[in-house]
mmCIF file of all heavy atoms, coordinates in Angstrom:
data_MODEL
# 
_entry.id   MODEL 
# 
loop_
_atom_site.group_PDB 
_atom_site.id 
_atom_site.type_symbol 
_atom_site.label_atom_id 
_atom_site.label_alt_id 
_atom_site.label_comp_id 
_atom_site.label_asym_id 
_atom_site.label_entity_id 
_atom_site.label_seq_id 
_atom_site.pdbx_PDB_ins_code 
_atom_site.Cartn_x 
_atom_site.Cartn_y 
_atom_site.Cartn_z 
_atom_site.occupancy 
_atom_site.B_iso_or_equiv 
_atom_site.pdbx_formal_charge 
_atom_site.auth_seq_id 
_atom_site.auth_comp_id 
_atom_site.auth_asym_id 
_atom_site.auth_atom_id 
_atom_site.pdbx_PDB_model_num 
ATOM 1   N N   . LEU A 1 1  ? -7.460 11.188  -6.780 1.00 0.00 ? 1  LEU A N   1 
ATOM 2   C CA  . LEU A 1 1  ? -6.444 10.173  -6.491 1.00 0.00 ? 1  LEU A CA  1 
ATOM 3   C C   . LEU A 1 1  ? -6.232 9.952   -4.994 1.00 0.00 ? 1  LEU A C   1 
ATOM 4   O O   . LEU A 1 1  ? -5.259 9.309   -4.582 1.00 0.00 ? 1  LEU A O   1 
ATOM 5   C CB  . LEU A 1 1  ? -5.104 10.520  -7.150 1.00 0.00 ? 1  LEU A CB  1 
ATOM 6   C CG  . LEU A 1 1  ? -5.137 10.692  -8.675 1.00 0.00 ? 1  LEU A CG  1 
ATOM 7   C CD1 . LEU A 1 1  ? -3.735 10.994  -9.188 1.00 0.00 ? 1  LEU A CD1 1 
ATOM 8   C CD2 . LEU A 1 1  ? -5.688 9.435   -9.341 1.00 0.00 ? 1  LEU A CD2 1 
ATOM 9   N N   . GLU A 1 2  ? -7.145 10.459  -4.170 1.00 0.00 ? 2  GLU A N   1 
ATOM 10  C CA  . GLU A 1 2  ? -7.033 10.238  -2.730 1.00 0.00 ? 2  GLU A CA  1 
ATOM 11  C C   . GLU A 1 2  ? -7.091 8.741   -2.414 1.00 0.00 ? 2  GLU A C   1 
ATOM 12  O O   . GLU A 1 2  ? -6.347 8.250   -1.564 1.00 0.00 ? 2  GLU A O   1 
ATOM 13  C CB  . GLU A 1 2  ? -8.167 10.966  -2.002 1.00 0.00 ? 2  GLU A CB  1 
ATOM 14  C CG  . GLU A 1 2  ? -8.041 12.474  -2.000 1.00 0.00 ? 2  GLU A CG  1 
ATOM 15  C CD  . GLU A 1 2  ? -6.982 12.951  -1.020 1.00 0.00 ? 2  GLU A CD  1 
ATOM 16  O OE1 . GLU A 1 2  ? -6.729 12.232  -0.038 1.00 0.00 ? 2  GLU A OE1 1 
ATOM 17  O OE2 . GLU A 1 2  ? -6.419 14.035  -1.235 1.00 0.00 ? 2  GLU A OE2 1 
ATOM 18  N N   . TRP A 1 3  ? -7.968 8.029   -3.087 1.00 0.00 ? 3  TRP A N   1 
ATOM 19  C CA  . TRP A 1 3  ? -8.107 6.586   -2.842 1.00 0.00 ? 3  TRP A CA  1 
ATOM 20  C C   . TRP A 1 3  ? -6.839 5.830   -3.218 1.00 0.00 ? 3  TRP A C   1 
ATOM 21  O O   . TRP A 1 3  ? -6.507 4.809   -2.621 1.00 0.00 ? 3  TRP A O   1 
ATOM 22  C CB  . TRP A 1 3  ? -9.276 6.042   -3.663 1.00 0.00 ? 3  TRP A CB  1 
ATOM 23  C CG  . TRP A 1 3  ? -9.056 6.178   -5.153 1.00 0.00 ? 3  TRP A CG  1 
ATOM 24  C CD1 . TRP A 1 3  ? -9.301 7.295   -5.913 1.00 0.00 ? 3  TRP A CD1 1 
ATOM 25  C CD2 . TRP A 1 3  ? -8.507 5.209   -6.033 1.00 0.00 ? 3  TRP A CD2 1 
ATOM 26  N NE1 . TRP A 1 3  ? -8.946 7.067   -7.221 1.00 0.00 ? 3  TRP A NE1 1 
ATOM 27  C CE2 . TRP A 1 3  ? -8.464 5.792   -7.327 1.00 0.00 ? 3  TRP A CE2 1 
ATOM 28  C CE3 . TRP A 1 3  ? -8.061 3.904   -5.871 1.00 0.00 ? 3  TRP A CE3 1 
ATOM 29  C CZ2 . TRP A 1 3  ? -7.981 5.106   -8.435 1.00 0.00 ? 3  TRP A CZ2 1 
ATOM 30  C CZ3 . TRP A 1 3  ? -7.582 3.228   -6.981 1.00 0.00 ? 3  TRP A CZ3 1 
ATOM 31  C CH2 . TRP A 1 3  ? -7.550 3.824   -8.246 1.00 0.00 ? 3  TRP A CH2 1 
ATOM 32  N N   . PHE A 1 4  ? -6.112 6.365   -4.225 1.00 0.00 ? 4  PHE A N   1 
ATOM 33  C CA  . PHE A 1 4  ? -4.920 5.688   -4.736 1.00 0.00 ? 4  PHE A CA  1 
ATOM 34  C C   . PHE A 1 4  ? -3.725 5.862   -3.804 1.00 0.00 ? 4  PHE A C   1 
ATOM 35  O O   . PHE A 1 4  ? -2.968 4.916   -3.555 1.00 0.00 ? 4  PHE A O   1 
ATOM 36  C CB  . PHE A 1 4  ? -4.589 6.235   -6.130 1.00 0.00 ? 4  PHE A CB  1 
ATOM 37  C CG  . PHE A 1 4  ? -3.547 5.454   -6.880 1.00 0.00 ? 4  PHE A CG  1 
ATOM 38  C CD1 . PHE A 1 4  ? -3.913 4.397   -7.704 1.00 0.00 ? 4  PHE A CD1 1 
ATOM 39  C CD2 . PHE A 1 4  ? -2.203 5.780   -6.777 1.00 0.00 ? 4  PHE A CD2 1 
ATOM 40  C CE1 . PHE A 1 4  ? -2.949 3.669   -8.401 1.00 0.00 ? 4  PHE A CE1 1 
ATOM 41  C CE2 . PHE A 1 4  ? -1.234 5.063   -7.471 1.00 0.00 ? 4  PHE A CE2 1 
ATOM 42  C CZ  . PHE A 1 4  ? -1.613 4.003   -8.282 1.00 0.00 ? 4  PHE A CZ  1 
ATOM 43  N N   . TYR A 1 5  ? -3.538 7.084   -3.282 1.00 0.00 ? 5  TYR A N   1 
ATOM 44  C CA  . TYR A 1 5  ? -2.365 7.379   -2.475 1.00 0.00 ? 5  TYR A CA  1 
ATOM 45  C C   . TYR A 1 5  ? -2.628 7.408   -0.965 1.00 0.00 ? 5  TYR A C   1 
ATOM 46  O O   . TYR A 1 5  ? -1.681 7.338   -0.182 1.00 0.00 ? 5  TYR A O   1 
ATOM 47  C CB  . TYR A 1 5  ? -1.758 8.720   -2.896 1.00 0.00 ? 5  TYR A CB  1 
ATOM 48  C CG  . TYR A 1 5  ? -1.109 8.663   -4.257 1.00 0.00 ? 5  TYR A CG  1 
ATOM 49  C CD1 . TYR A 1 5  ? -1.758 9.139   -5.382 1.00 0.00 ? 5  TYR A CD1 1 
ATOM 50  C CD2 . TYR A 1 5  ? 0.160  8.114   -4.420 1.00 0.00 ? 5  TYR A CD2 1 
ATOM 51  C CE1 . TYR A 1 5  ? -1.167 9.079   -6.642 1.00 0.00 ? 5  TYR A CE1 1 
ATOM 52  C CE2 . TYR A 1 5  ? 0.761  8.048   -5.669 1.00 0.00 ? 5  TYR A CE2 1 
ATOM 53  C CZ  . TYR A 1 5  ? 0.093  8.532   -6.772 1.00 0.00 ? 5  TYR A CZ  1 
ATOM 54  O OH  . TYR A 1 5  ? 0.688  8.465   -8.018 1.00 0.00 ? 5  TYR A OH  1 
ATOM 55  N N   . ARG A 1 6  ? -3.902 7.505   -0.567 1.00 0.00 ? 6  ARG A N   1 
ATOM 56  C CA  . ARG A 1 6  ? -4.199 7.568   0.864  1.00 0.00 ? 6  ARG A CA  1 
ATOM 57  C C   . ARG A 1 6  ? -5.259 6.565   1.300  1.00 0.00 ? 6  ARG A C   1 
ATOM 58  O O   . ARG A 1 6  ? -5.367 6.278   2.494  1.00 0.00 ? 6  ARG A O   1 
ATOM 59  C CB  . ARG A 1 6  ? -4.702 8.968   1.239  1.00 0.00 ? 6  ARG A CB  1 
ATOM 60  C CG  . ARG A 1 6  ? -3.674 10.068  1.109  1.00 0.00 ? 6  ARG A CG  1 
ATOM 61  C CD  . ARG A 1 6  ? -4.172 11.331  1.804  1.00 0.00 ? 6  ARG A CD  1 
ATOM 62  N NE  . ARG A 1 6  ? -3.180 12.397  1.762  1.00 0.00 ? 6  ARG A NE  1 
ATOM 63  C CZ  . ARG A 1 6  ? -3.291 13.509  1.036  1.00 0.00 ? 6  ARG A CZ  1 
ATOM 64  N NH1 . ARG A 1 6  ? -4.355 13.697  0.281  1.00 0.00 ? 6  ARG A NH1 1 
ATOM 65  N NH2 . ARG A 1 6  ? -2.333 14.429  1.064  1.00 0.00 ? 6  ARG A NH2 1 
ATOM 66  N N   . GLY A 1 7  ? -6.034 6.041   0.363  1.00 0.00 ? 7  GLY A N   1 
ATOM 67  C CA  . GLY A 1 7  ? -7.184 5.226   0.710  1.00 0.00 ? 7  GLY A CA  1 
ATOM 68  C C   . GLY A 1 7  ? -6.975 3.733   0.574  1.00 0.00 ? 7  GLY A C   1 
ATOM 69  O O   . GLY A 1 7  ? -5.897 3.187   0.843  1.00 0.00 ? 7  GLY A O   1 
ATOM 70  N N   . ASP A 1 8  ? -8.029 3.069   0.103  1.00 0.00 ? 8  ASP A N   1 
ATOM 71  C CA  . ASP A 1 8  ? -8.072 1.612   0.060  1.00 0.00 ? 8  ASP A CA  1 
ATOM 72  C C   . ASP A 1 8  ? -6.961 1.019   -0.801 1.00 0.00 ? 8  ASP A C   1 
ATOM 73  O O   . ASP A 1 8  ? -6.311 0.046   -0.400 1.00 0.00 ? 8  ASP A O   1 
ATOM 74  C CB  . ASP A 1 8  ? -9.448 1.164   -0.472 1.00 0.00 ? 8  ASP A CB  1 
ATOM 75  C CG  . ASP A 1 8  ? -9.544 -0.342  -0.616 1.00 0.00 ? 8  ASP A CG  1 
ATOM 76  O OD1 . ASP A 1 8  ? -9.438 -1.036  0.403  1.00 0.00 ? 8  ASP A OD1 1 
ATOM 77  O OD2 . ASP A 1 8  ? -9.706 -0.822  -1.757 1.00 0.00 ? 8  ASP A OD2 1 
ATOM 78  N N   . PHE A 1 9  ? -6.733 1.600   -1.975 1.00 0.00 ? 9  PHE A N   1 
ATOM 79  C CA  . PHE A 1 9  ? -5.692 1.048   -2.847 1.00 0.00 ? 9  PHE A CA  1 
ATOM 80  C C   . PHE A 1 9  ? -4.329 1.142   -2.175 1.00 0.00 ? 9  PHE A C   1 
ATOM 81  O O   . PHE A 1 9  ? -3.541 0.191   -2.199 1.00 0.00 ? 9  PHE A O   1 
ATOM 82  C CB  . PHE A 1 9  ? -5.651 1.787   -4.185 1.00 0.00 ? 9  PHE A CB  1 
ATOM 83  C CG  . PHE A 1 9  ? -4.564 1.298   -5.107 1.00 0.00 ? 9  PHE A CG  1 
ATOM 84  C CD1 . PHE A 1 9  ? -4.789 0.239   -5.963 1.00 0.00 ? 9  PHE A CD1 1 
ATOM 85  C CD2 . PHE A 1 9  ? -3.307 1.888   -5.091 1.00 0.00 ? 9  PHE A CD2 1 
ATOM 86  C CE1 . PHE A 1 9  ? -3.778 -0.235  -6.798 1.00 0.00 ? 9  PHE A CE1 1 
ATOM 87  C CE2 . PHE A 1 9  ? -2.286 1.425   -5.917 1.00 0.00 ? 9  PHE A CE2 1 
ATOM 88  C CZ  . PHE A 1 9  ? -2.524 0.364   -6.771 1.00 0.00 ? 9  PHE A CZ  1 
ATOM 89  N N   . ALA A 1 10 ? -4.039 2.288   -1.570 1.00 0.00 ? 10 ALA A N   1 
ATOM 90  C CA  . ALA A 1 10 ? -2.749 2.475   -0.908 1.00 0.00 ? 10 ALA A CA  1 
ATOM 91  C C   . ALA A 1 10 ? -2.545 1.442   0.196  1.00 0.00 ? 10 ALA A C   1 
ATOM 92  O O   . ALA A 1 10 ? -1.457 0.856   0.333  1.00 0.00 ? 10 ALA A O   1 
ATOM 93  C CB  . ALA A 1 10 ? -2.656 3.887   -0.328 1.00 0.00 ? 10 ALA A CB  1 
ATOM 94  N N   . GLU A 1 11 ? -3.572 1.190   0.959  1.00 0.00 ? 11 GLU A N   1 
ATOM 95  C CA  . GLU A 1 11 ? -3.466 0.219   2.053  1.00 0.00 ? 11 GLU A CA  1 
ATOM 96  C C   . GLU A 1 11 ? -3.201 -1.188  1.523  1.00 0.00 ? 11 GLU A C   1 
ATOM 97  O O   . GLU A 1 11 ? -2.355 -1.917  2.059  1.00 0.00 ? 11 GLU A O   1 
ATOM 98  C CB  . GLU A 1 11 ? -4.750 0.241   2.881  1.00 0.00 ? 11 GLU A CB  1 
ATOM 99  C CG  . GLU A 1 11 ? -4.958 1.549   3.640  1.00 0.00 ? 11 GLU A CG  1 
ATOM 100 C CD  . GLU A 1 11 ? -6.283 1.585   4.370  1.00 0.00 ? 11 GLU A CD  1 
ATOM 101 O OE1 . GLU A 1 11 ? -7.059 0.605   4.245  1.00 0.00 ? 11 GLU A OE1 1 
ATOM 102 O OE2 . GLU A 1 11 ? -6.559 2.588   5.051  1.00 0.00 ? 11 GLU A OE2 1 
ATOM 103 N N   . ARG A 1 12 ? -3.921 -1.579  0.472  1.00 0.00 ? 12 ARG A N   1 
ATOM 104 C CA  . ARG A 1 12 ? -3.722 -2.919  -0.088 1.00 0.00 ? 12 ARG A CA  1 
ATOM 105 C C   . ARG A 1 12 ? -2.355 -3.041  -0.764 1.00 0.00 ? 12 ARG A C   1 
ATOM 106 O O   . ARG A 1 12 ? -1.696 -4.073  -0.675 1.00 0.00 ? 12 ARG A O   1 
ATOM 107 C CB  . ARG A 1 12 ? -4.839 -3.237  -1.085 1.00 0.00 ? 12 ARG A CB  1 
ATOM 108 C CG  . ARG A 1 12 ? -6.185 -3.483  -0.424 1.00 0.00 ? 12 ARG A CG  1 
ATOM 109 C CD  . ARG A 1 12 ? -7.255 -3.935  -1.397 1.00 0.00 ? 12 ARG A CD  1 
ATOM 110 N NE  . ARG A 1 12 ? -7.686 -2.864  -2.261 1.00 0.00 ? 12 ARG A NE  1 
ATOM 111 C CZ  . ARG A 1 12 ? -7.493 -2.810  -3.572 1.00 0.00 ? 12 ARG A CZ  1 
ATOM 112 N NH1 . ARG A 1 12 ? -6.828 -3.787  -4.178 1.00 0.00 ? 12 ARG A NH1 1 
ATOM 113 N NH2 . ARG A 1 12 ? -7.933 -1.787  -4.274 1.00 0.00 ? 12 ARG A NH2 1 
ATOM 114 N N   . TYR A 1 13 ? -1.923 -1.983  -1.417 1.00 0.00 ? 13 TYR A N   1 
ATOM 115 C CA  . TYR A 1 13 ? -0.619 -1.991  -2.090 1.00 0.00 ? 13 TYR A CA  1 
ATOM 116 C C   . TYR A 1 13 ? 0.505  -2.148  -1.072 1.00 0.00 ? 13 TYR A C   1 
ATOM 117 O O   . TYR A 1 13 ? 1.401  -2.992  -1.236 1.00 0.00 ? 13 TYR A O   1 
ATOM 118 C CB  . TYR A 1 13 ? -0.463 -0.691  -2.877 1.00 0.00 ? 13 TYR A CB  1 
ATOM 119 C CG  . TYR A 1 13 ? 0.817  -0.583  -3.673 1.00 0.00 ? 13 TYR A CG  1 
ATOM 120 C CD1 . TYR A 1 13 ? 0.995  -1.317  -4.846 1.00 0.00 ? 13 TYR A CD1 1 
ATOM 121 C CD2 . TYR A 1 13 ? 1.850  0.259   -3.266 1.00 0.00 ? 13 TYR A CD2 1 
ATOM 122 C CE1 . TYR A 1 13 ? 2.165  -1.207  -5.589 1.00 0.00 ? 13 TYR A CE1 1 
ATOM 123 C CE2 . TYR A 1 13 ? 3.022  0.378   -4.000 1.00 0.00 ? 13 TYR A CE2 1 
ATOM 124 C CZ  . TYR A 1 13 ? 3.172  -0.360  -5.165 1.00 0.00 ? 13 TYR A CZ  1 
ATOM 125 O OH  . TYR A 1 13 ? 4.336  -0.257  -5.888 1.00 0.00 ? 13 TYR A OH  1 
ATOM 126 N N   . VAL A 1 14 ? 0.469  -1.368  -0.013 1.00 0.00 ? 14 VAL A N   1 
ATOM 127 C CA  . VAL A 1 14 ? 1.504  -1.439  1.019  1.00 0.00 ? 14 VAL A CA  1 
ATOM 128 C C   . VAL A 1 14 ? 1.485  -2.811  1.694  1.00 0.00 ? 14 VAL A C   1 
ATOM 129 O O   . VAL A 1 14 ? 2.544  -3.390  1.988  1.00 0.00 ? 14 VAL A O   1 
ATOM 130 C CB  . VAL A 1 14 ? 1.311  -0.317  2.061  1.00 0.00 ? 14 VAL A CB  1 
ATOM 131 C CG1 . VAL A 1 14 ? 2.213  -0.534  3.270  1.00 0.00 ? 14 VAL A CG1 1 
ATOM 132 C CG2 . VAL A 1 14 ? 1.606  1.036   1.434  1.00 0.00 ? 14 VAL A CG2 1 
ATOM 133 N N   . ALA A 1 15 ? 0.302  -3.351  1.934  1.00 0.00 ? 15 ALA A N   1 
ATOM 134 C CA  . ALA A 1 15 ? 0.195  -4.664  2.573  1.00 0.00 ? 15 ALA A CA  1 
ATOM 135 C C   . ALA A 1 15 ? 0.844  -5.745  1.710  1.00 0.00 ? 15 ALA A C   1 
ATOM 136 O O   . ALA A 1 15 ? 1.559  -6.619  2.224  1.00 0.00 ? 15 ALA A O   1 
ATOM 137 C CB  . ALA A 1 15 ? -1.267 -5.002  2.843  1.00 0.00 ? 15 ALA A CB  1 
ATOM 138 N N   . CYS A 1 16 ? 0.619  -5.696  0.410  1.00 0.00 ? 16 CYS A N   1 
ATOM 139 C CA  . CYS A 1 16 ? 1.220  -6.684  -0.497 1.00 0.00 ? 16 CYS A CA  1 
ATOM 140 C C   . CYS A 1 16 ? 2.738  -6.545  -0.535 1.00 0.00 ? 16 CYS A C   1 
ATOM 141 O O   . CYS A 1 16 ? 3.459  -7.550  -0.526 1.00 0.00 ? 16 CYS A O   1 
ATOM 142 C CB  . CYS A 1 16 ? 0.644  -6.523  -1.903 1.00 0.00 ? 16 CYS A CB  1 
ATOM 143 S SG  . CYS A 1 16 ? -1.065 -7.048  -2.078 1.00 0.00 ? 16 CYS A SG  1 
ATOM 144 N N   . VAL A 1 17 ? 3.211  -5.300  -0.583 1.00 0.00 ? 17 VAL A N   1 
ATOM 145 C CA  . VAL A 1 17 ? 4.650  -5.062  -0.664 1.00 0.00 ? 17 VAL A CA  1 
ATOM 146 C C   . VAL A 1 17 ? 5.350  -5.526  0.604  1.00 0.00 ? 17 VAL A C   1 
ATOM 147 O O   . VAL A 1 17 ? 6.380  -6.213  0.554  1.00 0.00 ? 17 VAL A O   1 
ATOM 148 C CB  . VAL A 1 17 ? 4.929  -3.565  -0.918 1.00 0.00 ? 17 VAL A CB  1 
ATOM 149 C CG1 . VAL A 1 17 ? 6.418  -3.269  -0.771 1.00 0.00 ? 17 VAL A CG1 1 
ATOM 150 C CG2 . VAL A 1 17 ? 4.464  -3.169  -2.319 1.00 0.00 ? 17 VAL A CG2 1 
ATOM 151 N N   . THR A 1 18 ? 4.819  -5.165  1.754  1.00 0.00 ? 18 THR A N   1 
ATOM 152 C CA  . THR A 1 18 ? 5.464  -5.528  3.013  1.00 0.00 ? 18 THR A CA  1 
ATOM 153 C C   . THR A 1 18 ? 5.388  -7.028  3.263  1.00 0.00 ? 18 THR A C   1 
ATOM 154 O O   . THR A 1 18 ? 6.307  -7.609  3.864  1.00 0.00 ? 18 THR A O   1 
ATOM 155 C CB  . THR A 1 18 ? 4.837  -4.771  4.193  1.00 0.00 ? 18 THR A CB  1 
ATOM 156 O OG1 . THR A 1 18 ? 3.411  -4.980  4.197  1.00 0.00 ? 18 THR A OG1 1 
ATOM 157 C CG2 . THR A 1 18 ? 5.111  -3.283  4.080  1.00 0.00 ? 18 THR A CG2 1 
ATOM 158 N N   . ALA A 1 19 ? 4.315  -7.667  2.819  1.00 0.00 ? 19 ALA A N   1 
ATOM 159 C CA  . ALA A 1 19 ? 4.200  -9.115  2.983  1.00 0.00 ? 19 ALA A CA  1 
ATOM 160 C C   . ALA A 1 19 ? 5.278  -9.857  2.204  1.00 0.00 ? 19 ALA A C   1 
ATOM 161 O O   . ALA A 1 19 ? 5.627  -10.985 2.536  1.00 0.00 ? 19 ALA A O   1 
ATOM 162 C CB  . ALA A 1 19 ? 2.815  -9.589  2.540  1.00 0.00 ? 19 ALA A CB  1 
ATOM 163 N N   . ASP A 1 20 ? 5.812  -9.206  1.170  1.00 0.00 ? 20 ASP A N   1 
ATOM 164 C CA  . ASP A 1 20 ? 6.858  -9.831  0.355  1.00 0.00 ? 20 ASP A CA  1 
ATOM 165 C C   . ASP A 1 20 ? 8.236  -9.243  0.664  1.00 0.00 ? 20 ASP A C   1 
ATOM 166 O O   . ASP A 1 20 ? 9.134  -9.279  -0.171 1.00 0.00 ? 20 ASP A O   1 
ATOM 167 C CB  . ASP A 1 20 ? 6.535  -9.651  -1.130 1.00 0.00 ? 20 ASP A CB  1 
ATOM 168 C CG  . ASP A 1 20 ? 7.297  -10.637 -2.017 1.00 0.00 ? 20 ASP A CG  1 
ATOM 169 O OD1 . ASP A 1 20 ? 7.431  -11.815 -1.630 1.00 0.00 ? 20 ASP A OD1 1 
ATOM 170 O OD2 . ASP A 1 20 ? 7.779  -10.217 -3.090 1.00 0.00 ? 20 ASP A OD2 1 
ATOM 171 N N   . GLY A 1 21 ? 8.379  -8.669  1.836  1.00 0.00 ? 21 GLY A N   1 
ATOM 172 C CA  . GLY A 1 21 ? 9.694  -8.205  2.265  1.00 0.00 ? 21 GLY A CA  1 
ATOM 173 C C   . GLY A 1 21 ? 9.998  -6.755  1.997  1.00 0.00 ? 21 GLY A C   1 
ATOM 174 O O   . GLY A 1 21 ? 11.116 -6.292  2.267  1.00 0.00 ? 21 GLY A O   1 
ATOM 175 N N   . GLY A 1 22 ? 9.052  -6.006  1.461  1.00 0.00 ? 22 GLY A N   1 
ATOM 176 C CA  . GLY A 1 22 ? 9.288  -4.597  1.160  1.00 0.00 ? 22 GLY A CA  1 
ATOM 177 C C   . GLY A 1 22 ? 9.181  -3.715  2.388  1.00 0.00 ? 22 GLY A C   1 
ATOM 178 O O   . GLY A 1 22 ? 8.701  -4.135  3.442  1.00 0.00 ? 22 GLY A O   1 
ATOM 179 N N   . ARG A 1 23 ? 9.615  -2.476  2.247  1.00 0.00 ? 23 ARG A N   1 
ATOM 180 C CA  . ARG A 1 23 ? 9.631  -1.535  3.369  1.00 0.00 ? 23 ARG A CA  1 
ATOM 181 C C   . ARG A 1 23 ? 8.762  -0.311  3.112  1.00 0.00 ? 23 ARG A C   1 
ATOM 182 O O   . ARG A 1 23 ? 8.874  0.703   3.808  1.00 0.00 ? 23 ARG A O   1 
ATOM 183 C CB  . ARG A 1 23 ? 11.078 -1.108  3.653  1.00 0.00 ? 23 ARG A CB  1 
ATOM 184 C CG  . ARG A 1 23 ? 11.968 -2.280  4.020  1.00 0.00 ? 23 ARG A CG  1 
ATOM 185 C CD  . ARG A 1 23 ? 13.410 -1.863  4.194  1.00 0.00 ? 23 ARG A CD  1 
ATOM 186 N NE  . ARG A 1 23 ? 14.258 -2.991  4.552  1.00 0.00 ? 23 ARG A NE  1 
ATOM 187 C CZ  . ARG A 1 23 ? 15.574 -2.920  4.689  1.00 0.00 ? 23 ARG A CZ  1 
ATOM 188 N NH1 . ARG A 1 23 ? 16.192 -1.762  4.478  1.00 0.00 ? 23 ARG A NH1 1 
ATOM 189 N NH2 . ARG A 1 23 ? 16.271 -3.991  5.017  1.00 0.00 ? 23 ARG A NH2 1 
ATOM 190 N N   . LEU A 1 24 ? 7.952  -0.360  2.105  1.00 0.00 ? 24 LEU A N   1 
ATOM 191 C CA  . LEU A 1 24 ? 7.084  0.759   1.766  1.00 0.00 ? 24 LEU A CA  1 
ATOM 192 C C   . LEU A 1 24 ? 6.073  0.994   2.881  1.00 0.00 ? 24 LEU A C   1 
ATOM 193 O O   . LEU A 1 24 ? 5.589  0.043   3.498  1.00 0.00 ? 24 LEU A O   1 
ATOM 194 C CB  . LEU A 1 24 ? 6.352  0.451   0.458  1.00 0.00 ? 24 LEU A CB  1 
ATOM 195 C CG  . LEU A 1 24 ? 5.720  1.619   -0.292 1.00 0.00 ? 24 LEU A CG  1 
ATOM 196 C CD1 . LEU A 1 24 ? 6.807  2.531   -0.841 1.00 0.00 ? 24 LEU A CD1 1 
ATOM 197 C CD2 . LEU A 1 24 ? 4.871  1.087   -1.443 1.00 0.00 ? 24 LEU A CD2 1 
ATOM 198 N N   . THR A 1 25 ? 5.749  2.253   3.135  1.00 0.00 ? 25 THR A N   1 
ATOM 199 C CA  . THR A 1 25 ? 4.784  2.600   4.178  1.00 0.00 ? 25 THR A CA  1 
ATOM 200 C C   . THR A 1 25 ? 3.662  3.450   3.593  1.00 0.00 ? 25 THR A C   1 
ATOM 201 O O   . THR A 1 25 ? 3.780  3.994   2.485  1.00 0.00 ? 25 THR A O   1 
ATOM 202 C CB  . THR A 1 25 ? 5.455  3.397   5.313  1.00 0.00 ? 25 THR A CB  1 
ATOM 203 O OG1 . THR A 1 25 ? 5.886  4.672   4.797  1.00 0.00 ? 25 THR A OG1 1 
ATOM 204 C CG2 . THR A 1 25 ? 6.650  2.632   5.871  1.00 0.00 ? 25 THR A CG2 1 
# 
């Protein structure tokens, strides 16, 4: 699950959330 919480998925997930006003890092 490294890819999910630290890798590519995590980066894309955070980017989507922050683009919509979220504060997730």
